[in-house]
Amino acid sequence: MKYTQLGRTGLKVSRLVLGTMNFGPQTDEADSHAIMDAALAAGINFVDTANVYGWGENKGRTEEIIGNWFAQGGDRRDKVVLATKVYGNMGADGAAWPNHDKLSAVNIRRAVDASLKRLQTDHIDVYQFHHVDRNTPFEEIWQAIDVLVQQGKILYVGSSNFPGYKIAQANEIAARRGGTIGLVSEQCLYNLAERRAEMEVIPAAQEYGLGVIPWSPLHGGLLGGVIKKEVEGGRRASGRAADALANTTIRAQIQAYEDLLDKHGVEPGEAALAWLLTRPGVTGPIVGPRTAGQLDSAVRAAELELSEELLSGLNEIFPGPGPSPEAFAW
């Protein structure tokens, strides 16, 4: 496993990030623990979760599963760079009591303590804002974060689903306040089929020294060989992938993608992950395996070298938007 610095920090993280969103809803606790053990054995040290994972009546369940894994000992917590998130409504019925969601100082303090309890740890390495909060000023957010850093409850702060201008705003206000390192990472939707982050988000992250952590690297399974699986095994696409394939233009694009990779003898899902590892500013994509086999495939992708010919072919099939502002101004 290769490692890199997380943005401008001294923190070393693996170039694959273990996403845990499936732990609980789709993968039971025993299998989740086995996947985490296998990830650690493969050298993956960066684990990402969120307080809302588990969903519905089971919000927080994923953090509990991770906490129970840490409790098994074996230096598990010491070896892991732990990232979780705050913002979402933690009410099981979807109706949050006032100040029980988003990024007010009150909720940040409450959410950190609740996450620490579920995770069975005394600190969170990277605490991430899951979404922008348009009603809470960054002065208030950073004041709350400063207190938590001083208390040793969190070490670094990242963002998720932030537009470029909010990354800039957050870090400019942090710089003016002094003593606050500001955002060190941005977790955004980014993959071969969804490259809009290249226009504003990734340039802003690079300018301010944030590591980019792409989520949904296979775009809901669309880039994982979905047509091949449909033809060979009768496994129908579902969710985002099924909706996309209903569009004949997109289906033709995905067919061209799979044909190109078949020509080069590369598995589609592994190629999609390997492509992200070639992109400027990317720390590592989040892989969210439901099974040990899916984790093995992701680890192989981290070792995959894509030829210039293949990279050029991928870029022809999935052209990026181009740099900003040229992409929309000229």
Foldseek 3Di string as FASTA:
>chain_A
DDWDDFFPDPDIFDQEEAEALCDQVQADLVQSLVLLVVCVVLPGAEYEEEQQRNHAQGRNVSLLSQLVSVVVDPCNVVSHQAEYEFFDAPDNVRDHDPLCGGQALSNVVVVLVSSCVSNVHQAHEEYEYAEDDPVDDLVRNVVSVVVCVVVVHYPAYAYEPDWQVVQVRQCVVQVVVPPHLTHAAYEYADWLQDFPCQAGVQVSCNVSRGAYEYEPLCVQVLQQCQVVCCVPPVDHRDDPNNVQCVDVVSVVLSVLQVVLCVVVVHGRVLVGQLLQVPDPRHRHYHDHDSGSVSVVSNSVSVVDDDDPVSNVSSCVSRPHQDYPPVSPPD
